Amino acid sequence: MKLKYLFIAAALVAISCNNSAKDSEVNSDSTTEQTTDNAISDMSIYNLPSHWTTQDGNEIELKDLKGKVLAMVMIYTSCQAACPRLVADMRNIEKQIPEDKKDDVQYVFVSIDPKTDTPERLTAFAKENQMEKDKWLFLRGTEADTREFAAVLAVNYKKISPMDFSHSNIISVFNQGGELAHQQEGLGVDNKETVQAIIDLAK
């Protein structure tokens, strides 16, 4: 697991370095914004320049999620094997969070099949799984942004047929600043550590 964290750190640092030239060209009008961004650590996923579409069709950046504890997993809606179990794991984790901390946690599902998983399909999937409340967020991005984000999470996936992917089964927990705090790997595993990590981070 330590190697996974090192990989994530290296990926984020590389992204930060790639953006350094652009950062040096900011004008005086962007000085305030740049100062605000400096509050985000180098290890934060909020440094990623990717753009995403929610199940409601809204366009967001990851930094729009700043301020909440994030429990994130990468799935695809046509999956018939591992993904339903990952969804069940996320639901099980949510049920164990105390009522006074529930509003501080966002549960995020990122599609590894953006071509199929349109906002309409994500909305239908959310409805099928009774995940229509604001705490459940479904995202799709470009294939490039999805690959980049998967690399940061050390999630591997590969298309093995027109409708199927093989993929890692990892639930990641991020603090309010977008820094990785905990990862749970596997299906149907004991999630006590994951639940405790969320409780400890939530306000």
N, C-alpha and C. Protein backbone atom coordinates (compact mmCIF):
# COMPACT_ATOMS: atom_id res chain seq x y z
N MET A 1 0.83 -1.21 0.00
CA MET A 1 0.00 0.00 0.00
C MET A 1 0.87 1.26 0.00
N LYS A 2 2.04 1.21 0.68
CA LYS A 2 2.93 2.37 0.70
C LYS A 2 3.42 2.71 -0.70
N LEU A 3 3.69 1.66 -1.50
CA LEU A 3 4.12 1.90 -2.88
C LEU A 3 3.04 2.61 -3.66
N LYS A 4 1.78 2.29 -3.36
CA LYS A 4 0.66 2.92 -4.04
C LYS A 4 0.62 4.41 -3.74
N TYR A 5 0.84 4.77 -2.46
CA TYR A 5 0.85 6.18 -2.07
C TYR A 5 1.99 6.93 -2.75
N LEU A 6 3.17 6.25 -2.86
CA LEU A 6 4.31 6.88 -3.53
C LEU A 6 4.02 7.14 -4.99
N PHE A 7 3.31 6.19 -5.62
CA PHE A 7 2.94 6.36 -7.03
C PHE A 7 2.01 7.54 -7.20
N ILE A 8 1.04 7.65 -6.31
CA ILE A 8 0.09 8.76 -6.36
C ILE A 8 0.81 10.08 -6.21
N ALA A 9 1.74 10.13 -5.23
CA ALA A 9 2.50 11.36 -5.00
C ALA A 9 3.29 11.75 -6.24
N ALA A 10 3.94 10.75 -6.85
CA ALA A 10 4.75 11.03 -8.05
C ALA A 10 3.89 11.53 -9.19
N ALA A 11 2.70 10.95 -9.35
CA ALA A 11 1.80 11.37 -10.44
C ALA A 11 1.35 12.80 -10.25
N LEU A 12 1.01 13.18 -9.03
CA LEU A 12 0.55 14.54 -8.77
C LEU A 12 1.67 15.55 -8.93
N VAL A 13 2.88 15.18 -8.49
CA VAL A 13 4.02 16.08 -8.66
C VAL A 13 4.31 16.30 -10.13
N ALA A 14 4.20 15.23 -10.93
CA ALA A 14 4.43 15.35 -12.38
C ALA A 14 3.43 16.30 -13.01
N ILE A 15 2.17 16.19 -12.60
CA ILE A 15 1.13 17.07 -13.12
C ILE A 15 1.43 18.51 -12.73
N SER A 16 1.85 18.70 -11.48
CA SER A 16 2.17 20.03 -11.00
C SER A 16 3.32 20.64 -11.80
N CYS A 17 4.32 19.81 -12.11
CA CYS A 17 5.46 20.29 -12.89
C CYS A 17 5.03 20.67 -14.30
N ASN A 18 4.14 19.87 -14.87
CA ASN A 18 3.68 20.16 -16.23
C ASN A 18 2.93 21.48 -16.30
N ASN A 19 2.31 21.88 -15.20
CA ASN A 19 1.54 23.12 -15.19
C ASN A 19 2.37 24.33 -14.77
N SER A 20 3.64 24.13 -14.41
CA SER A 20 4.43 25.23 -13.85
C SER A 20 4.66 26.35 -14.85
N ALA A 21 4.83 25.99 -16.13
CA ALA A 21 5.05 27.02 -17.13
C ALA A 21 3.84 27.92 -17.25
N LYS A 22 2.66 27.33 -17.23
CA LYS A 22 1.43 28.12 -17.31
C LYS A 22 1.28 29.01 -16.10
N ASP A 23 1.64 28.47 -14.93
CA ASP A 23 1.51 29.23 -13.69
C ASP A 23 2.39 30.47 -13.71
N SER A 24 3.57 30.38 -14.38
CA SER A 24 4.49 31.50 -14.39
C SER A 24 4.01 32.63 -15.28
N GLU A 25 2.97 32.35 -16.10
CA GLU A 25 2.49 33.36 -17.03
C GLU A 25 1.25 34.08 -16.54
N VAL A 26 0.83 33.81 -15.31
CA VAL A 26 -0.38 34.46 -14.82
C VAL A 26 -0.16 35.95 -14.71
N ASN A 27 -1.22 36.74 -14.98
CA ASN A 27 -1.13 38.19 -14.88
C ASN A 27 -1.61 38.64 -13.52
N SER A 28 -1.63 39.93 -13.30
CA SER A 28 -1.98 40.47 -12.00
C SER A 28 -3.42 40.17 -11.62
N ASP A 29 -4.31 40.00 -12.61
CA ASP A 29 -5.71 39.73 -12.33
C ASP A 29 -5.90 38.38 -11.68
N SER A 30 -4.93 37.46 -11.88
CA SER A 30 -5.09 36.10 -11.35
C SER A 30 -4.29 35.87 -10.08
N THR A 31 -3.66 36.90 -9.56
CA THR A 31 -2.81 36.75 -8.38
C THR A 31 -3.60 36.24 -7.20
N THR A 32 -4.79 36.79 -6.99
CA THR A 32 -5.61 36.37 -5.85
C THR A 32 -5.99 34.91 -5.98
N GLU A 33 -6.38 34.49 -7.20
CA GLU A 33 -6.77 33.11 -7.41
C GLU A 33 -5.60 32.18 -7.17
N GLN A 34 -4.40 32.57 -7.61
CA GLN A 34 -3.23 31.75 -7.45
C GLN A 34 -2.90 31.59 -5.97
N THR A 35 -3.05 32.65 -5.19
CA THR A 35 -2.80 32.57 -3.77
C THR A 35 -3.74 31.58 -3.10
N THR A 36 -5.00 31.62 -3.53
CA THR A 36 -5.98 30.69 -2.98
C THR A 36 -5.60 29.26 -3.32
N ASP A 37 -5.16 29.02 -4.55
CA ASP A 37 -4.78 27.68 -4.97
C ASP A 37 -3.59 27.16 -4.19
N ASN A 38 -2.73 28.07 -3.72
CA ASN A 38 -1.56 27.65 -2.96
C ASN A 38 -1.95 26.98 -1.65
N ALA A 39 -3.19 27.17 -1.21
CA ALA A 39 -3.66 26.53 0.01
C ALA A 39 -3.85 25.03 -0.19
N ILE A 40 -3.90 24.60 -1.44
CA ILE A 40 -4.02 23.18 -1.76
C ILE A 40 -2.62 22.57 -1.80
N SER A 41 -2.42 21.48 -1.10
CA SER A 41 -1.10 20.87 -1.03
C SER A 41 -0.74 20.22 -2.37
N ASP A 42 0.55 19.94 -2.55
CA ASP A 42 1.01 19.30 -3.78
C ASP A 42 0.43 17.90 -3.95
N MET A 43 -0.02 17.30 -2.86
CA MET A 43 -0.55 15.94 -2.90
C MET A 43 -2.06 15.89 -3.11
N SER A 44 -2.68 17.01 -3.37
CA SER A 44 -4.13 17.07 -3.50
C SER A 44 -4.59 16.74 -4.91
N ILE A 45 -5.67 15.98 -5.01
CA ILE A 45 -6.24 15.69 -6.33
C ILE A 45 -6.87 16.94 -6.94
N TYR A 46 -7.02 18.00 -6.14
CA TYR A 46 -7.60 19.24 -6.65
C TYR A 46 -6.62 19.99 -7.54
N ASN A 47 -5.39 19.49 -7.66
CA ASN A 47 -4.44 20.04 -8.61
C ASN A 47 -4.69 19.52 -10.03
N LEU A 48 -5.46 18.45 -10.13
CA LEU A 48 -5.72 17.88 -11.45
C LEU A 48 -6.55 18.84 -12.30
N PRO A 49 -6.17 19.04 -13.57
CA PRO A 49 -6.88 20.00 -14.43
C PRO A 49 -8.09 19.42 -15.14
N SER A 50 -8.48 18.21 -14.78
CA SER A 50 -9.56 17.52 -15.48
C SER A 50 -10.93 18.16 -15.24
N HIS A 51 -11.83 17.95 -16.20
CA HIS A 51 -13.21 18.42 -16.11
C HIS A 51 -14.15 17.21 -16.20
N TRP A 52 -15.27 17.29 -15.47
CA TRP A 52 -16.16 16.15 -15.35
C TRP A 52 -17.61 16.58 -15.53
N THR A 53 -18.44 15.63 -15.95
CA THR A 53 -19.87 15.86 -16.07
C THR A 53 -20.58 14.98 -15.06
N THR A 54 -21.51 15.57 -14.30
CA THR A 54 -22.25 14.81 -13.29
C THR A 54 -23.44 14.11 -13.93
N GLN A 55 -24.11 13.29 -13.13
CA GLN A 55 -25.31 12.61 -13.62
C GLN A 55 -26.42 13.59 -13.97
N ASP A 56 -26.33 14.81 -13.43
CA ASP A 56 -27.32 15.83 -13.74
C ASP A 56 -26.93 16.69 -14.94
N GLY A 57 -25.79 16.37 -15.54
CA GLY A 57 -25.33 17.12 -16.71
C GLY A 57 -24.56 18.37 -16.38
N ASN A 58 -24.20 18.57 -15.11
CA ASN A 58 -23.43 19.74 -14.70
C ASN A 58 -21.95 19.50 -14.93
N GLU A 59 -21.25 20.55 -15.35
CA GLU A 59 -19.80 20.47 -15.56
C GLU A 59 -19.09 20.92 -14.29
N ILE A 60 -18.17 20.09 -13.78
CA ILE A 60 -17.43 20.45 -12.57
C ILE A 60 -15.95 20.10 -12.73
N GLU A 61 -15.15 20.66 -11.83
CA GLU A 61 -13.76 20.25 -11.64
C GLU A 61 -13.69 19.58 -10.28
N LEU A 62 -12.67 18.77 -10.07
CA LEU A 62 -12.57 18.08 -8.78
C LEU A 62 -12.48 19.06 -7.62
N LYS A 63 -11.85 20.20 -7.85
CA LYS A 63 -11.69 21.17 -6.76
C LYS A 63 -13.03 21.74 -6.30
N ASP A 64 -14.08 21.55 -7.09
CA ASP A 64 -15.42 21.98 -6.66
C ASP A 64 -15.93 21.15 -5.49
N LEU A 65 -15.28 20.01 -5.24
CA LEU A 65 -15.67 19.13 -4.15
C LEU A 65 -14.91 19.44 -2.86
N LYS A 66 -14.03 20.43 -2.92
CA LYS A 66 -13.21 20.78 -1.76
C LYS A 66 -14.09 21.12 -0.56
N GLY A 67 -13.67 20.65 0.60
CA GLY A 67 -14.38 20.96 1.84
C GLY A 67 -15.14 19.79 2.42
N LYS A 68 -15.26 18.71 1.63
CA LYS A 68 -15.93 17.51 2.14
C LYS A 68 -14.96 16.33 2.11
N VAL A 69 -15.20 15.37 2.99
CA VAL A 69 -14.49 14.10 2.92
C VAL A 69 -15.06 13.35 1.72
N LEU A 70 -14.20 12.78 0.90
CA LEU A 70 -14.64 12.07 -0.29
C LEU A 70 -14.36 10.58 -0.17
N ALA A 71 -15.37 9.78 -0.45
CA ALA A 71 -15.19 8.34 -0.61
C ALA A 71 -15.41 8.07 -2.08
N MET A 72 -14.37 7.63 -2.79
CA MET A 72 -14.43 7.54 -4.25
C MET A 72 -14.13 6.13 -4.73
N VAL A 73 -14.82 5.74 -5.81
CA VAL A 73 -14.58 4.44 -6.42
C VAL A 73 -14.80 4.58 -7.92
N MET A 74 -14.05 3.81 -8.71
CA MET A 74 -14.20 3.81 -10.16
C MET A 74 -14.95 2.55 -10.58
N ILE A 75 -16.05 2.75 -11.32
CA ILE A 75 -16.91 1.64 -11.76
C ILE A 75 -17.35 1.90 -13.20
N TYR A 76 -18.21 1.02 -13.73
CA TYR A 76 -18.94 1.33 -14.97
C TYR A 76 -20.31 0.69 -14.85
N THR A 77 -21.31 1.34 -15.37
CA THR A 77 -22.70 0.98 -15.06
C THR A 77 -23.16 -0.34 -15.68
N SER A 78 -22.52 -0.79 -16.76
CA SER A 78 -22.95 -2.05 -17.38
C SER A 78 -22.27 -3.26 -16.75
N CYS A 79 -21.43 -3.03 -15.77
CA CYS A 79 -20.72 -4.11 -15.07
C CYS A 79 -21.71 -4.99 -14.32
N GLN A 80 -21.55 -6.29 -14.46
CA GLN A 80 -22.46 -7.24 -13.82
C GLN A 80 -21.78 -8.05 -12.72
N ALA A 81 -20.50 -7.84 -12.52
CA ALA A 81 -19.77 -8.66 -11.54
C ALA A 81 -19.29 -7.83 -10.35
N ALA A 82 -18.13 -7.21 -10.49
CA ALA A 82 -17.52 -6.51 -9.36
C ALA A 82 -18.23 -5.22 -8.97
N CYS A 83 -18.69 -4.45 -9.95
CA CYS A 83 -19.24 -3.12 -9.65
C CYS A 83 -20.46 -3.15 -8.73
N PRO A 84 -21.41 -4.06 -8.93
CA PRO A 84 -22.52 -4.10 -7.98
C PRO A 84 -22.06 -4.33 -6.55
N ARG A 85 -20.99 -5.09 -6.37
CA ARG A 85 -20.46 -5.34 -5.03
C ARG A 85 -19.76 -4.09 -4.49
N LEU A 86 -19.10 -3.34 -5.38
CA LEU A 86 -18.48 -2.08 -4.95
C LEU A 86 -19.55 -1.07 -4.53
N VAL A 87 -20.64 -1.04 -5.29
CA VAL A 87 -21.76 -0.17 -4.93
C VAL A 87 -22.31 -0.57 -3.57
N ALA A 88 -22.46 -1.87 -3.35
CA ALA A 88 -22.95 -2.36 -2.06
C ALA A 88 -21.99 -1.99 -0.94
N ASP A 89 -20.69 -2.07 -1.21
CA ASP A 89 -19.69 -1.70 -0.21
C ASP A 89 -19.80 -0.22 0.15
N MET A 90 -19.99 0.61 -0.87
CA MET A 90 -20.13 2.06 -0.62
C MET A 90 -21.39 2.33 0.19
N ARG A 91 -22.46 1.65 -0.14
CA ARG A 91 -23.71 1.84 0.60
C ARG A 91 -23.54 1.39 2.06
N ASN A 92 -22.83 0.27 2.24
CA ASN A 92 -22.59 -0.24 3.59
C ASN A 92 -21.75 0.73 4.41
N ILE A 93 -20.76 1.33 3.77
CA ILE A 93 -19.92 2.32 4.45
C ILE A 93 -20.76 3.52 4.86
N GLU A 94 -21.59 4.00 3.94
CA GLU A 94 -22.43 5.18 4.22
C GLU A 94 -23.36 4.94 5.41
N LYS A 95 -23.90 3.74 5.52
CA LYS A 95 -24.83 3.43 6.60
C LYS A 95 -24.16 3.48 7.97
N GLN A 96 -22.84 3.29 8.01
CA GLN A 96 -22.13 3.24 9.28
C GLN A 96 -21.62 4.60 9.76
N ILE A 97 -21.79 5.63 8.93
CA ILE A 97 -21.34 6.96 9.32
C ILE A 97 -22.38 7.59 10.25
N PRO A 98 -21.97 8.11 11.40
CA PRO A 98 -22.93 8.72 12.34
C PRO A 98 -23.72 9.85 11.69
N GLU A 99 -24.94 10.04 12.14
CA GLU A 99 -25.83 11.05 11.57
C GLU A 99 -25.22 12.44 11.59
N ASP A 100 -24.49 12.77 12.66
CA ASP A 100 -23.94 14.12 12.77
C ASP A 100 -22.75 14.38 11.85
N LYS A 101 -22.31 13.34 11.14
CA LYS A 101 -21.18 13.49 10.21
C LYS A 101 -21.57 13.21 8.76
N LYS A 102 -22.78 12.72 8.55
CA LYS A 102 -23.20 12.32 7.20
C LYS A 102 -23.13 13.45 6.18
N ASP A 103 -23.48 14.68 6.60
CA ASP A 103 -23.50 15.80 5.67
C ASP A 103 -22.10 16.25 5.25
N ASP A 104 -21.08 15.76 5.92
CA ASP A 104 -19.70 16.17 5.62
C ASP A 104 -19.01 15.22 4.65
N VAL A 105 -19.75 14.21 4.18
CA VAL A 105 -19.15 13.18 3.33
C VAL A 105 -19.84 13.12 1.97
N GLN A 106 -19.03 13.06 0.91
CA GLN A 106 -19.54 12.92 -0.46
C GLN A 106 -19.08 11.58 -1.00
N TYR A 107 -20.00 10.82 -1.57
CA TYR A 107 -19.68 9.51 -2.15
C TYR A 107 -19.66 9.66 -3.66
N VAL A 108 -18.50 9.40 -4.25
CA VAL A 108 -18.28 9.70 -5.66
C VAL A 108 -17.97 8.44 -6.46
N PHE A 109 -18.71 8.25 -7.55
CA PHE A 109 -18.49 7.14 -8.46
C PHE A 109 -17.99 7.72 -9.78
N VAL A 110 -16.81 7.30 -10.20
CA VAL A 110 -16.21 7.79 -11.44
C VAL A 110 -16.27 6.68 -12.48
N SER A 111 -16.88 6.95 -13.62
CA SER A 111 -17.02 5.92 -14.65
C SER A 111 -15.71 5.69 -15.41
N ILE A 112 -15.40 4.41 -15.62
CA ILE A 112 -14.26 4.06 -16.45
C ILE A 112 -14.70 3.82 -17.90
N ASP A 113 -15.99 4.00 -18.16
CA ASP A 113 -16.54 3.80 -19.50
C ASP A 113 -17.36 5.04 -19.91
N PRO A 114 -16.70 6.19 -20.08
CA PRO A 114 -17.43 7.42 -20.36
C PRO A 114 -18.22 7.40 -21.66
N LYS A 115 -17.82 6.55 -22.59
CA LYS A 115 -18.54 6.48 -23.86
C LYS A 115 -19.96 5.96 -23.64
N THR A 116 -20.11 4.97 -22.80
CA THR A 116 -21.42 4.38 -22.51
C THR A 116 -22.14 5.14 -21.41
N ASP A 117 -21.40 5.55 -20.41
CA ASP A 117 -22.01 6.15 -19.23
C ASP A 117 -22.27 7.65 -19.41
N THR A 118 -23.27 7.94 -20.19
CA THR A 118 -23.72 9.31 -20.40
C THR A 118 -24.40 9.81 -19.12
N PRO A 119 -24.62 11.12 -18.99
CA PRO A 119 -25.36 11.61 -17.82
C PRO A 119 -26.71 10.92 -17.66
N GLU A 120 -27.38 10.66 -18.77
CA GLU A 120 -28.68 9.98 -18.71
C GLU A 120 -28.54 8.57 -18.14
N ARG A 121 -27.49 7.87 -18.57
CA ARG A 121 -27.27 6.51 -18.07
C ARG A 121 -26.88 6.55 -16.59
N LEU A 122 -26.06 7.52 -16.21
CA LEU A 122 -25.67 7.64 -14.80
C LEU A 122 -26.87 7.97 -13.92
N THR A 123 -27.76 8.82 -14.43
CA THR A 123 -28.98 9.15 -13.69
C THR A 123 -29.84 7.91 -13.48
N ALA A 124 -29.98 7.12 -14.54
CA ALA A 124 -30.77 5.89 -14.44
C ALA A 124 -30.13 4.92 -13.46
N PHE A 125 -28.81 4.84 -13.49
CA PHE A 125 -28.09 3.94 -12.59
C PHE A 125 -28.28 4.38 -11.13
N ALA A 126 -28.19 5.70 -10.90
CA ALA A 126 -28.41 6.22 -9.55
C ALA A 126 -29.82 5.89 -9.06
N LYS A 127 -30.79 6.02 -9.96
CA LYS A 127 -32.18 5.71 -9.59
C LYS A 127 -32.36 4.23 -9.30
N GLU A 128 -31.76 3.39 -10.15
CA GLU A 128 -31.85 1.94 -9.96
C GLU A 128 -31.30 1.52 -8.60
N ASN A 129 -30.27 2.22 -8.16
CA ASN A 129 -29.59 1.86 -6.91
C ASN A 129 -30.02 2.73 -5.73
N GLN A 130 -31.11 3.49 -5.93
CA GLN A 130 -31.65 4.35 -4.87
C GLN A 130 -30.57 5.27 -4.31
N MET A 131 -29.84 5.90 -5.23
CA MET A 131 -28.76 6.82 -4.86
C MET A 131 -29.01 8.17 -5.54
N GLU A 132 -30.18 8.71 -5.32
CA GLU A 132 -30.56 9.95 -5.97
C GLU A 132 -30.32 11.20 -5.11
N LYS A 133 -29.94 11.01 -3.85
CA LYS A 133 -29.70 12.16 -2.99
C LYS A 133 -28.36 12.81 -3.33
N ASP A 134 -28.18 14.05 -2.89
CA ASP A 134 -26.99 14.83 -3.25
C ASP A 134 -25.69 14.20 -2.78
N LYS A 135 -25.74 13.36 -1.75
CA LYS A 135 -24.51 12.76 -1.22
C LYS A 135 -23.90 11.75 -2.19
N TRP A 136 -24.71 11.28 -3.16
CA TRP A 136 -24.22 10.34 -4.16
C TRP A 136 -23.94 11.10 -5.45
N LEU A 137 -22.68 11.10 -5.89
CA LEU A 137 -22.28 11.85 -7.08
C LEU A 137 -21.66 10.90 -8.10
N PHE A 138 -22.14 10.97 -9.34
CA PHE A 138 -21.62 10.13 -10.42
C PHE A 138 -20.97 11.03 -11.47
N LEU A 139 -19.75 10.67 -11.88
CA LEU A 139 -18.98 11.51 -12.79
C LEU A 139 -18.51 10.74 -14.02
N ARG A 140 -18.49 11.45 -15.13
CA ARG A 140 -17.85 10.93 -16.35
C ARG A 140 -16.97 12.03 -16.91
N GLY A 141 -15.85 11.64 -17.52
CA GLY A 141 -14.94 12.61 -18.11
C GLY A 141 -14.49 12.12 -19.48
N THR A 142 -13.50 12.77 -20.03
CA THR A 142 -12.92 12.28 -21.28
C THR A 142 -12.13 11.01 -20.96
N GLU A 143 -11.82 10.25 -21.98
CA GLU A 143 -11.03 9.04 -21.76
C GLU A 143 -9.66 9.40 -21.20
N ALA A 144 -9.08 10.51 -21.68
CA ALA A 144 -7.76 10.92 -21.21
C ALA A 144 -7.80 11.32 -19.74
N ASP A 145 -8.81 12.10 -19.35
CA ASP A 145 -8.92 12.52 -17.95
C ASP A 145 -9.22 11.32 -17.05
N THR A 146 -10.00 10.38 -17.55
CA THR A 146 -10.32 9.19 -16.77
C THR A 146 -9.06 8.35 -16.55
N ARG A 147 -8.26 8.19 -17.59
CA ARG A 147 -7.00 7.44 -17.47
C ARG A 147 -6.06 8.13 -16.48
N GLU A 148 -5.97 9.44 -16.56
CA GLU A 148 -5.10 10.19 -15.67
C GLU A 148 -5.53 10.02 -14.21
N PHE A 149 -6.85 10.13 -13.98
CA PHE A 149 -7.35 10.01 -12.63
C PHE A 149 -7.15 8.60 -12.09
N ALA A 150 -7.36 7.60 -12.94
CA ALA A 150 -7.15 6.21 -12.53
C ALA A 150 -5.69 5.98 -12.14
N ALA A 151 -4.77 6.59 -12.89
CA ALA A 151 -3.35 6.45 -12.57
C ALA A 151 -3.03 7.05 -11.21
N VAL A 152 -3.63 8.18 -10.90
CA VAL A 152 -3.40 8.83 -9.61
C VAL A 152 -3.90 7.94 -8.47
N LEU A 153 -5.01 7.23 -8.69
CA LEU A 153 -5.56 6.35 -7.66
C LEU A 153 -4.94 4.96 -7.69
N ALA A 154 -4.03 4.71 -8.63
CA ALA A 154 -3.44 3.39 -8.82
C ALA A 154 -4.51 2.34 -9.15
N VAL A 155 -5.53 2.78 -9.88
CA VAL A 155 -6.58 1.88 -10.35
C VAL A 155 -6.26 1.47 -11.79
N ASN A 156 -6.17 0.18 -12.01
CA ASN A 156 -5.91 -0.34 -13.35
C ASN A 156 -7.21 -0.84 -13.97
N TYR A 157 -7.41 -0.54 -15.24
CA TYR A 157 -8.57 -1.09 -15.94
C TYR A 157 -8.24 -1.30 -17.41
N LYS A 158 -8.92 -2.30 -17.98
CA LYS A 158 -8.65 -2.66 -19.37
C LYS A 158 -9.93 -3.20 -20.00
N LYS A 159 -10.21 -2.74 -21.21
CA LYS A 159 -11.39 -3.23 -21.92
C LYS A 159 -11.11 -4.63 -22.44
N ILE A 160 -11.97 -5.58 -22.09
CA ILE A 160 -11.76 -6.97 -22.50
C ILE A 160 -12.82 -7.46 -23.48
N SER A 161 -13.87 -6.66 -23.68
CA SER A 161 -14.89 -6.96 -24.69
C SER A 161 -15.64 -5.65 -24.95
N PRO A 162 -16.51 -5.61 -25.95
CA PRO A 162 -17.21 -4.35 -26.23
C PRO A 162 -17.95 -3.75 -25.05
N MET A 163 -18.35 -4.57 -24.07
CA MET A 163 -19.13 -4.07 -22.94
C MET A 163 -18.50 -4.33 -21.58
N ASP A 164 -17.34 -4.98 -21.56
CA ASP A 164 -16.76 -5.38 -20.28
C ASP A 164 -15.33 -4.88 -20.09
N PHE A 165 -15.01 -4.59 -18.82
CA PHE A 165 -13.68 -4.17 -18.42
C PHE A 165 -13.20 -5.04 -17.26
N SER A 166 -11.90 -5.28 -17.23
CA SER A 166 -11.30 -5.79 -16.00
C SER A 166 -10.76 -4.56 -15.28
N HIS A 167 -10.88 -4.54 -13.96
CA HIS A 167 -10.47 -3.33 -13.25
C HIS A 167 -10.16 -3.61 -11.78
N SER A 168 -9.38 -2.71 -11.18
CA SER A 168 -9.07 -2.80 -9.77
C SER A 168 -10.32 -2.46 -8.96
N ASN A 169 -10.39 -3.03 -7.76
CA ASN A 169 -11.53 -2.78 -6.87
C ASN A 169 -11.02 -2.03 -5.64
N ILE A 170 -10.95 -0.72 -5.76
CA ILE A 170 -10.37 0.12 -4.71
C ILE A 170 -11.32 1.26 -4.36
N ILE A 171 -11.58 1.42 -3.08
CA ILE A 171 -12.32 2.58 -2.57
C ILE A 171 -11.32 3.50 -1.89
N SER A 172 -11.28 4.75 -2.31
CA SER A 172 -10.31 5.71 -1.78
C SER A 172 -11.01 6.78 -0.96
N VAL A 173 -10.39 7.17 0.14
CA VAL A 173 -10.93 8.21 1.01
C VAL A 173 -9.97 9.40 0.99
N PHE A 174 -10.52 10.59 0.73
CA PHE A 174 -9.73 11.82 0.69
C PHE A 174 -10.21 12.78 1.76
N ASN A 175 -9.28 13.54 2.32
CA ASN A 175 -9.68 14.54 3.31
C ASN A 175 -10.26 15.76 2.61
N GLN A 176 -10.62 16.77 3.39
CA GLN A 176 -11.29 17.95 2.85
C GLN A 176 -10.42 18.73 1.86
N GLY A 177 -9.11 18.53 1.94
CA GLY A 177 -8.20 19.21 1.03
C GLY A 177 -7.83 18.39 -0.19
N GLY A 178 -8.47 17.22 -0.35
CA GLY A 178 -8.21 16.39 -1.52
C GLY A 178 -6.99 15.51 -1.42
N GLU A 179 -6.49 15.29 -0.21
CA GLU A 179 -5.33 14.43 -0.02
C GLU A 179 -5.78 13.01 0.33
N LEU A 180 -5.14 12.03 -0.27
CA LEU A 180 -5.48 10.64 -0.01
C LEU A 180 -5.20 10.29 1.44
N ALA A 181 -6.19 9.76 2.13
CA ALA A 181 -6.04 9.41 3.54
C ALA A 181 -6.12 7.91 3.78
N HIS A 182 -6.82 7.18 2.90
CA HIS A 182 -7.02 5.75 3.14
C HIS A 182 -7.50 5.09 1.86
N GLN A 183 -7.11 3.83 1.69
CA GLN A 183 -7.64 3.04 0.58
C GLN A 183 -8.04 1.66 1.06
N GLN A 184 -9.16 1.18 0.52
CA GLN A 184 -9.67 -0.16 0.80
C GLN A 184 -9.66 -0.94 -0.50
N GLU A 185 -9.00 -2.08 -0.51
CA GLU A 185 -8.88 -2.86 -1.74
C GLU A 185 -9.57 -4.20 -1.56
N GLY A 186 -10.34 -4.60 -2.57
CA GLY A 186 -11.03 -5.87 -2.54
C GLY A 186 -12.54 -5.69 -2.52
N LEU A 187 -13.24 -6.80 -2.58
CA LEU A 187 -14.71 -6.78 -2.61
C LEU A 187 -15.26 -7.44 -1.35
N GLY A 188 -16.23 -6.79 -0.73
CA GLY A 188 -16.85 -7.37 0.43
C GLY A 188 -15.92 -7.55 1.61
N VAL A 189 -14.86 -6.75 1.67
CA VAL A 189 -13.89 -6.87 2.76
C VAL A 189 -14.39 -6.13 4.00
N ASP A 190 -13.75 -6.37 5.13
CA ASP A 190 -14.09 -5.67 6.36
C ASP A 190 -13.78 -4.19 6.16
N ASN A 191 -14.81 -3.34 6.26
CA ASN A 191 -14.61 -1.91 5.98
C ASN A 191 -14.54 -1.06 7.24
N LYS A 192 -14.24 -1.67 8.38
CA LYS A 192 -14.17 -0.92 9.63
C LYS A 192 -13.13 0.20 9.57
N GLU A 193 -11.96 -0.10 8.98
CA GLU A 193 -10.90 0.91 8.89
C GLU A 193 -11.32 2.06 7.99
N THR A 194 -12.02 1.73 6.91
CA THR A 194 -12.50 2.77 5.99
C THR A 194 -13.52 3.67 6.67
N VAL A 195 -14.46 3.06 7.37
CA VAL A 195 -15.48 3.82 8.09
C VAL A 195 -14.82 4.70 9.14
N GLN A 196 -13.86 4.15 9.87
CA GLN A 196 -13.20 4.93 10.91
C GLN A 196 -12.40 6.09 10.32
N ALA A 197 -11.77 5.86 9.18
CA ALA A 197 -11.02 6.93 8.52
C ALA A 197 -11.94 8.08 8.15
N ILE A 198 -13.13 7.76 7.64
CA ILE A 198 -14.10 8.80 7.28
C ILE A 198 -14.58 9.54 8.53
N ILE A 199 -14.89 8.80 9.59
CA ILE A 199 -15.36 9.42 10.83
C ILE A 199 -14.31 10.36 11.41
N ASP A 200 -13.06 9.91 11.38
CA ASP A 200 -11.97 10.72 11.93
C ASP A 200 -11.77 12.01 11.13
N LEU A 201 -12.02 11.96 9.83
CA LEU A 201 -11.81 13.13 8.98
C LEU A 201 -13.00 14.09 8.99
N ALA A 202 -14.20 13.53 9.08
CA ALA A 202 -15.41 14.36 9.03
C ALA A 202 -15.47 15.31 10.22
N LYS A 203 -16.08 16.48 10.02
CA LYS A 203 -16.15 17.50 11.07
C LYS A 203 -17.05 17.04 12.20
